Structure formats: C-alpha cells, structure tokens
Amino acid sequence: MATLHRDAANGIHRIEHAHVNMYLVEGGPGEYTLIDAGLPGVWPHLGRLLTEVGARPDQIAAVVLTHAH
C-alpha cells in the first residue's frame, strides 16, 4: 500500500511505497509536477493519492526523473 505524507514541505507531498519515494509538487493553479515515477507497483495507487490532495492525473504537467533503476 502506498502512503501519502501531505505537506512534507509547503506544497510538496511525499508518496512512499516499498521504500521508494515520489514527490508531488504543486505548481500553478491545477498544475502538478511528479518527481520520480516510482516503481510499477505504486501506479495503481497513484489515482487515489492524487484525489487525497485534490488533484487528477490529467493535472500532472511534468514528470521529473532524478535517477533510474
């Protein structure tokens, strides 16, 4: 199960799943940036976690990858 940690910093939400972190960063109105995409096991949970912060998948304007596995 993926866990959402709201406001890890102002406007930045941490998504934790199986010792892997992703970050959802609030941008302009209705825009978000996803930092790292996690592993495939977290993707089914992503929609639920976005809903918890009032976001939708189509509001992710960018995905930033910091490294690869």
PDB file of N, CA and C in Angstrom:
ATOM      1  N   MET A   1       0.833  -1.176   0.000  1.00  0.00           N
ATOM      2  CA  MET A   1       0.000   0.000   0.000  1.00  0.00           C
ATOM      3  C   MET A   1       0.881   1.244   0.000  1.00  0.00           C
ATOM      4  N   ALA A   2       0.555   2.185  -0.807  1.00  0.00           N
ATOM      5  CA  ALA A   2       1.275   3.454  -0.872  1.00  0.00           C
ATOM      6  C   ALA A   2       0.705   4.404   0.173  1.00  0.00           C
ATOM      7  N   THR A   3       1.584   5.239   0.725  1.00  0.00           N
ATOM      8  CA  THR A   3       1.197   6.182   1.767  1.00  0.00           C
ATOM      9  C   THR A   3       1.498   7.594   1.308  1.00  0.00           C
ATOM     10  N   LEU A   4       0.570   8.500   1.574  1.00  0.00           N
ATOM     11  CA  LEU A   4       0.749   9.899   1.244  1.00  0.00           C
ATOM     12  C   LEU A   4       1.126  10.664   2.504  1.00  0.00           C
ATOM     13  N   HIS A   5       2.187  11.444   2.423  1.00  0.00           N
ATOM     14  CA  HIS A   5       2.605  12.330   3.513  1.00  0.00           C
ATOM     15  C   HIS A   5       2.399  13.748   2.995  1.00  0.00           C
ATOM     16  N   ARG A   6       1.275  14.347   3.385  1.00  0.00           N
ATOM     17  CA  ARG A   6       0.930  15.687   2.892  1.00  0.00           C
ATOM     18  C   ARG A   6       1.867  16.729   3.454  1.00  0.00           C
ATOM     19  N   ASP A   7       2.182  17.693   2.621  1.00  0.00           N
ATOM     20  CA  ASP A   7       2.999  18.840   3.008  1.00  0.00           C
ATOM     21  C   ASP A   7       4.295  18.440   3.701  1.00  0.00           C
ATOM     22  N   ALA A   8       5.073  17.585   3.040  1.00  0.00           N
ATOM     23  CA  ALA A   8       6.430  17.298   3.512  1.00  0.00           C
ATOM     24  C   ALA A   8       7.179  18.625   3.603  1.00  0.00           C
ATOM     25  N   ALA A   9       6.844  19.519   2.730  1.00  0.00           N
ATOM     26  CA  ALA A   9       7.226  20.936   2.762  1.00  0.00           C
ATOM     27  C   ALA A   9       6.028  21.658   2.150  1.00  0.00           C
ATOM     28  N   ASN A  10       5.979  22.951   2.262  1.00  0.00           N
ATOM     29  CA  ASN A  10       4.830  23.692   1.764  1.00  0.00           C
ATOM     30  C   ASN A  10       4.599  23.395   0.278  1.00  0.00           C
ATOM     31  N   GLY A  11       3.439  22.782  -0.045  1.00  0.00           N
ATOM     32  CA  GLY A  11       3.091  22.475  -1.425  1.00  0.00           C
ATOM     33  C   GLY A  11       3.793  21.265  -2.017  1.00  0.00           C
ATOM     34  N   ILE A  12       4.488  20.500  -1.184  1.00  0.00           N
ATOM     35  CA  ILE A  12       5.192  19.299  -1.658  1.00  0.00           C
ATOM     36  C   ILE A  12       4.699  18.104  -0.854  1.00  0.00           C
ATOM     37  N   HIS A  13       4.205  17.101  -1.549  1.00  0.00           N
ATOM     38  CA  HIS A  13       3.644  15.906  -0.915  1.00  0.00           C
ATOM     39  C   HIS A  13       4.499  14.700  -1.266  1.00  0.00           C
ATOM     40  N   ARG A  14       4.838  13.906  -0.261  1.00  0.00           N
ATOM     41  CA  ARG A  14       5.676  12.721  -0.482  1.00  0.00           C
ATOM     42  C   ARG A  14       4.785  11.485  -0.566  1.00  0.00           C
ATOM     43  N   ILE A  15       5.030  10.667  -1.569  1.00  0.00           N
ATOM     44  CA  ILE A  15       4.335   9.394  -1.748  1.00  0.00           C
ATOM     45  C   ILE A  15       5.364   8.302  -1.499  1.00  0.00           C
ATOM     46  N   GLU A  16       5.065   7.441  -0.541  1.00  0.00           N
ATOM     47  CA  GLU A  16       6.004   6.382  -0.149  1.00  0.00           C
ATOM     48  C   GLU A  16       5.396   5.022  -0.479  1.00  0.00           C
ATOM     49  N   HIS A  17       6.201   4.169  -1.103  1.00  0.00           N
ATOM     50  CA  HIS A  17       5.753   2.818  -1.427  1.00  0.00           C
ATOM     51  C   HIS A  17       6.972   1.910  -1.504  1.00  0.00           C
ATOM     52  N   ALA A  18       7.000   0.895  -0.682  1.00  0.00           N
ATOM     53  CA  ALA A  18       8.067  -0.113  -0.709  1.00  0.00           C
ATOM     54  C   ALA A  18       9.459   0.525  -0.672  1.00  0.00           C
ATOM     55  N   HIS A  19       9.660   1.448   0.240  1.00  0.00           N
ATOM     56  CA  HIS A  19      10.955   2.115   0.440  1.00  0.00           C
ATOM     57  C   HIS A  19      11.372   2.987  -0.740  1.00  0.00           C
ATOM     58  N   VAL A  20      10.410   3.372  -1.552  1.00  0.00           N
ATOM     59  CA  VAL A  20      10.659   4.257  -2.689  1.00  0.00           C
ATOM     60  C   VAL A  20       9.804   5.504  -2.485  1.00  0.00           C
ATOM     61  N   ASN A  21      10.377   6.665  -2.736  1.00  0.00           N
ATOM     62  CA  ASN A  21       9.653   7.924  -2.581  1.00  0.00           C
ATOM     63  C   ASN A  21       9.432   8.602  -3.916  1.00  0.00           C
ATOM     64  N   MET A  22       8.268   9.220  -4.034  1.00  0.00           N
ATOM     65  CA  MET A  22       7.924  10.082  -5.150  1.00  0.00           C
ATOM     66  C   MET A  22       7.431  11.372  -4.515  1.00  0.00           C
ATOM     67  N   TYR A  23       7.505  12.470  -5.231  1.00  0.00           N
ATOM     68  CA  TYR A  23       7.050  13.748  -4.691  1.00  0.00           C
ATOM     69  C   TYR A  23       6.099  14.398  -5.676  1.00  0.00           C
ATOM     70  N   LEU A  24       4.993  14.913  -5.166  1.00  0.00           N
ATOM     71  CA  LEU A  24       4.024  15.651  -5.954  1.00  0.00           C
ATOM     72  C   LEU A  24       4.163  17.112  -5.546  1.00  0.00           C
ATOM     73  N   VAL A  25       4.542  17.954  -6.499  1.00  0.00           N
ATOM     74  CA  VAL A  25       4.803  19.366  -6.222  1.00  0.00           C
ATOM     75  C   VAL A  25       3.690  20.199  -6.838  1.00  0.00           C
ATOM     76  N   GLU A  26       3.060  21.034  -6.013  1.00  0.00           N
ATOM     77  CA  GLU A  26       2.014  21.925  -6.501  1.00  0.00           C
ATOM     78  C   GLU A  26       2.658  23.068  -7.269  1.00  0.00           C
ATOM     79  N   GLY A  27       2.145  23.327  -8.474  1.00  0.00           N
ATOM     80  CA  GLY A  27       2.653  24.433  -9.285  1.00  0.00           C
ATOM     81  C   GLY A  27       1.608  25.528  -9.347  1.00  0.00           C
ATOM     82  N   GLY A  28       1.333  25.966 -10.565  1.00  0.00           N
ATOM     83  CA  GLY A  28       0.282  26.966 -10.758  1.00  0.00           C
ATOM     84  C   GLY A  28      -1.071  26.340 -10.472  1.00  0.00           C
ATOM     85  N   PRO A  29      -2.131  27.125 -10.595  1.00  0.00           N
ATOM     86  CA  PRO A  29      -3.477  26.602 -10.319  1.00  0.00           C
ATOM     87  C   PRO A  29      -3.771  25.343 -11.141  1.00  0.00           C
ATOM     88  N   GLY A  30      -4.048  24.243 -10.453  1.00  0.00           N
ATOM     89  CA  GLY A  30      -4.390  22.999 -11.127  1.00  0.00           C
ATOM     90  C   GLY A  30      -3.244  22.310 -11.830  1.00  0.00           C
ATOM     91  N   GLU A  31      -2.003  22.685 -11.522  1.00  0.00           N
ATOM     92  CA  GLU A  31      -0.840  22.044 -12.142  1.00  0.00           C
ATOM     93  C   GLU A  31       0.049  21.412 -11.087  1.00  0.00           C
ATOM     94  N   TYR A  32       0.526  20.231 -11.413  1.00  0.00           N
ATOM     95  CA  TYR A  32       1.395  19.494 -10.501  1.00  0.00           C
ATOM     96  C   TYR A  32       2.571  18.933 -11.285  1.00  0.00           C
ATOM     97  N   THR A  33       3.676  18.741 -10.582  1.00  0.00           N
ATOM     98  CA  THR A  33       4.844  18.062 -11.138  1.00  0.00           C
ATOM     99  C   THR A  33       5.100  16.836 -10.273  1.00  0.00           C
ATOM    100  N   LEU A  34       5.325  15.715 -10.903  1.00  0.00           N
ATOM    101  CA  LEU A  34       5.637  14.477 -10.198  1.00  0.00           C
ATOM    102  C   LEU A  34       7.145  14.261 -10.286  1.00  0.00           C
ATOM    103  N   ILE A  35       7.803  14.211  -9.131  1.00  0.00           N
ATOM    104  CA  ILE A  35       9.240  13.977  -9.086  1.00  0.00           C
ATOM    105  C   ILE A  35       9.451  12.485  -8.861  1.00  0.00           C
ATOM    106  N   ASP A  36      10.071  11.844  -9.807  1.00  0.00           N
ATOM    107  CA  ASP A  36      10.272  10.391  -9.864  1.00  0.00           C
ATOM    108  C   ASP A  36       8.935   9.698 -10.061  1.00  0.00           C
ATOM    109  N   ALA A  37       8.959   8.593 -10.741  1.00  0.00           N
ATOM    110  CA  ALA A  37       7.720   7.900 -11.088  1.00  0.00           C
ATOM    111  C   ALA A  37       7.505   6.646 -10.254  1.00  0.00           C
ATOM    112  N   GLY A  38       8.427   6.371  -9.335  1.00  0.00           N
ATOM    113  CA  GLY A  38       8.264   5.188  -8.502  1.00  0.00           C
ATOM    114  C   GLY A  38       8.411   3.916  -9.317  1.00  0.00           C
ATOM    115  N   LEU A  39       7.994   2.836  -8.723  1.00  0.00           N
ATOM    116  CA  LEU A  39       8.008   1.528  -9.382  1.00  0.00           C
ATOM    117  C   LEU A  39       6.596   1.184  -9.823  1.00  0.00           C
ATOM    118  N   PRO A  40       6.426   0.277 -10.773  1.00  0.00           N
ATOM    119  CA  PRO A  40       5.091  -0.042 -11.271  1.00  0.00           C
ATOM    120  C   PRO A  40       4.082  -0.422 -10.188  1.00  0.00           C
ATOM    121  N   GLY A  41       4.530  -0.951  -9.072  1.00  0.00           N
ATOM    122  CA  GLY A  41       3.608  -1.339  -8.009  1.00  0.00           C
ATOM    123  C   GLY A  41       2.848  -0.183  -7.387  1.00  0.00           C
ATOM    124  N   VAL A  42       3.368   1.032  -7.501  1.00  0.00           N
ATOM    125  CA  VAL A  42       2.694   2.190  -6.909  1.00  0.00           C
ATOM    126  C   VAL A  42       1.666   2.809  -7.864  1.00  0.00           C
ATOM    127  N   TRP A  43       1.802   2.575  -9.141  1.00  0.00           N
ATOM    128  CA  TRP A  43       0.946   3.235 -10.118  1.00  0.00           C
ATOM    129  C   TRP A  43      -0.540   2.998  -9.893  1.00  0.00           C
ATOM    130  N   PRO A  44      -0.989   1.786  -9.514  1.00  0.00           N
ATOM    131  CA  PRO A  44      -2.423   1.620  -9.258  1.00  0.00           C
ATOM    132  C   PRO A  44      -2.929   2.489  -8.093  1.00  0.00           C
ATOM    133  N   HIS A  45      -2.043   2.872  -7.190  1.00  0.00           N
ATOM    134  CA  HIS A  45      -2.435   3.680  -6.027  1.00  0.00           C
ATOM    135  C   HIS A  45      -2.389   5.177  -6.321  1.00  0.00           C
ATOM    136  N   LEU A  46      -1.733   5.560  -7.402  1.00  0.00           N
ATOM    137  CA  LEU A  46      -1.488   6.970  -7.670  1.00  0.00           C
ATOM    138  C   LEU A  46      -2.776   7.777  -7.794  1.00  0.00           C
ATOM    139  N   GLY A  47      -3.767   7.254  -8.465  1.00  0.00           N
ATOM    140  CA  GLY A  47      -5.042   7.964  -8.616  1.00  0.00           C
ATOM    141  C   GLY A  47      -5.685   8.288  -7.278  1.00  0.00           C
ATOM    142  N   ARG A  48      -5.679   7.328  -6.372  1.00  0.00           N
ATOM    143  CA  ARG A  48      -6.255   7.540  -5.038  1.00  0.00           C
ATOM    144  C   ARG A  48      -5.483   8.605  -4.281  1.00  0.00           C
ATOM    145  N   LEU A  49      -4.160   8.562  -4.376  1.00  0.00           N
ATOM    146  CA  LEU A  49      -3.336   9.527  -3.670  1.00  0.00           C
ATOM    147  C   LEU A  49      -3.494  10.931  -4.243  1.00  0.00           C
ATOM    148  N   LEU A  50      -3.632  11.032  -5.552  1.00  0.00           N
ATOM    149  CA  LEU A  50      -3.886  12.336  -6.157  1.00  0.00           C
ATOM    150  C   LEU A  50      -5.209  12.906  -5.661  1.00  0.00           C
ATOM    151  N   THR A  51      -6.222  12.065  -5.571  1.00  0.00           N
ATOM    152  CA  THR A  51      -7.527  12.501  -5.076  1.00  0.00           C
ATOM    153  C   THR A  51      -7.426  13.055  -3.661  1.00  0.00           C
ATOM    154  N   GLU A  52      -6.571  12.459  -2.844  1.00  0.00           N
ATOM    155  CA  GLU A  52      -6.412  12.920  -1.458  1.00  0.00           C
ATOM    156  C   GLU A  52      -5.907  14.355  -1.373  1.00  0.00           C
ATOM    157  N   VAL A  53      -5.165  14.807  -2.370  1.00  0.00           N
ATOM    158  CA  VAL A  53      -4.679  16.199  -2.363  1.00  0.00           C
ATOM    159  C   VAL A  53      -5.516  17.087  -3.286  1.00  0.00           C
ATOM    160  N   GLY A  54      -6.593  16.528  -3.845  1.00  0.00           N
ATOM    161  CA  GLY A  54      -7.480  17.307  -4.706  1.00  0.00           C
ATOM    162  C   GLY A  54      -6.983  17.440  -6.134  1.00  0.00           C
ATOM    163  N   ALA A  55      -6.170  16.490  -6.577  1.00  0.00           N
ATOM    164  CA  ALA A  55      -5.604  16.533  -7.934  1.00  0.00           C
ATOM    165  C   ALA A  55      -6.134  15.382  -8.773  1.00  0.00           C
ATOM    166  N   ARG A  56      -5.988  15.529 -10.080  1.00  0.00           N
ATOM    167  CA  ARG A  56      -6.351  14.482 -11.036  1.00  0.00           C
ATOM    168  C   ARG A  56      -5.128  14.145 -11.882  1.00  0.00           C
ATOM    169  N   PRO A  57      -5.051  12.941 -12.436  1.00  0.00           N
ATOM    170  CA  PRO A  57      -3.901  12.571 -13.271  1.00  0.00           C
ATOM    171  C   PRO A  57      -3.653  13.537 -14.433  1.00  0.00           C
ATOM    172  N   ASP A  58      -4.716  14.085 -15.023  1.00  0.00           N
ATOM    173  CA  ASP A  58      -4.524  14.993 -16.160  1.00  0.00           C
ATOM    174  C   ASP A  58      -3.959  16.352 -15.746  1.00  0.00           C
ATOM    175  N   GLN A  59      -3.816  16.593 -14.446  1.00  0.00           N
ATOM    176  CA  GLN A  59      -3.232  17.846 -13.964  1.00  0.00           C
ATOM    177  C   GLN A  59      -1.720  17.727 -13.737  1.00  0.00           C
ATOM    178  N   ILE A  60      -1.163  16.544 -13.956  1.00  0.00           N
ATOM    179  CA  ILE A  60       0.292  16.393 -13.862  1.00  0.00           C
ATOM    180  C   ILE A  60       0.887  16.937 -15.153  1.00  0.00           C
ATOM    181  N   ALA A  61       1.533  18.096 -15.025  1.00  0.00           N
ATOM    182  CA  ALA A  61       2.069  18.786 -16.199  1.00  0.00           C
ATOM    183  C   ALA A  61       3.448  18.268 -16.598  1.00  0.00           C
ATOM    184  N   ALA A  62       4.184  17.696 -15.612  1.00  0.00           N
ATOM    185  CA  ALA A  62       5.531  17.220 -15.913  1.00  0.00           C
ATOM    186  C   ALA A  62       5.908  16.102 -14.967  1.00  0.00           C
ATOM    187  N   VAL A  63       6.775  15.236 -15.431  1.00  0.00           N
ATOM    188  CA  VAL A  63       7.381  14.179 -14.608  1.00  0.00           C
ATOM    189  C   VAL A  63       8.880  14.369 -14.701  1.00  0.00           C
ATOM    190  N   VAL A  64       9.519  14.505 -13.548  1.00  0.00           N
ATOM    191  CA  VAL A  64      10.966  14.703 -13.491  1.00  0.00           C
ATOM    192  C   VAL A  64      11.589  13.438 -12.912  1.00  0.00           C
ATOM    193  N   LEU A  65      12.500  12.836 -13.651  1.00  0.00           N
ATOM    194  CA  LEU A  65      13.195  11.638 -13.193  1.00  0.00           C
ATOM    195  C   LEU A  65      14.568  12.035 -12.682  1.00  0.00           C
ATOM    196  N   THR A  66      14.860  11.670 -11.446  1.00  0.00           N
ATOM    197  CA  THR A  66      16.163  12.018 -10.862  1.00  0.00           C
ATOM    198  C   THR A  66      17.187  10.901 -11.012  1.00  0.00           C
ATOM    199  N   HIS A  67      16.696   9.684 -11.276  1.00  0.00           N
ATOM    200  CA  HIS A  67      17.589   8.549 -11.452  1.00  0.00           C
ATOM    201  C   HIS A  67      16.794   7.371 -12.013  1.00  0.00           C
ATOM    202  N   ALA A  68      17.470   6.317 -12.387  1.00  0.00           N
ATOM    203  CA  ALA A  68      16.806   5.127 -12.944  1.00  0.00           C
ATOM    204  C   ALA A  68      17.155   3.907 -12.116  1.00  0.00           C
ATOM    205  N   HIS A  69      16.284   2.920 -12.181  1.00  0.00           N
ATOM    206  CA  HIS A  69      16.532   1.634 -11.504  1.00  0.00           C
ATOM    207  C   HIS A  69      16.721   0.574 -12.570  1.00  0.00           C
TER     208      HIS A  69
END
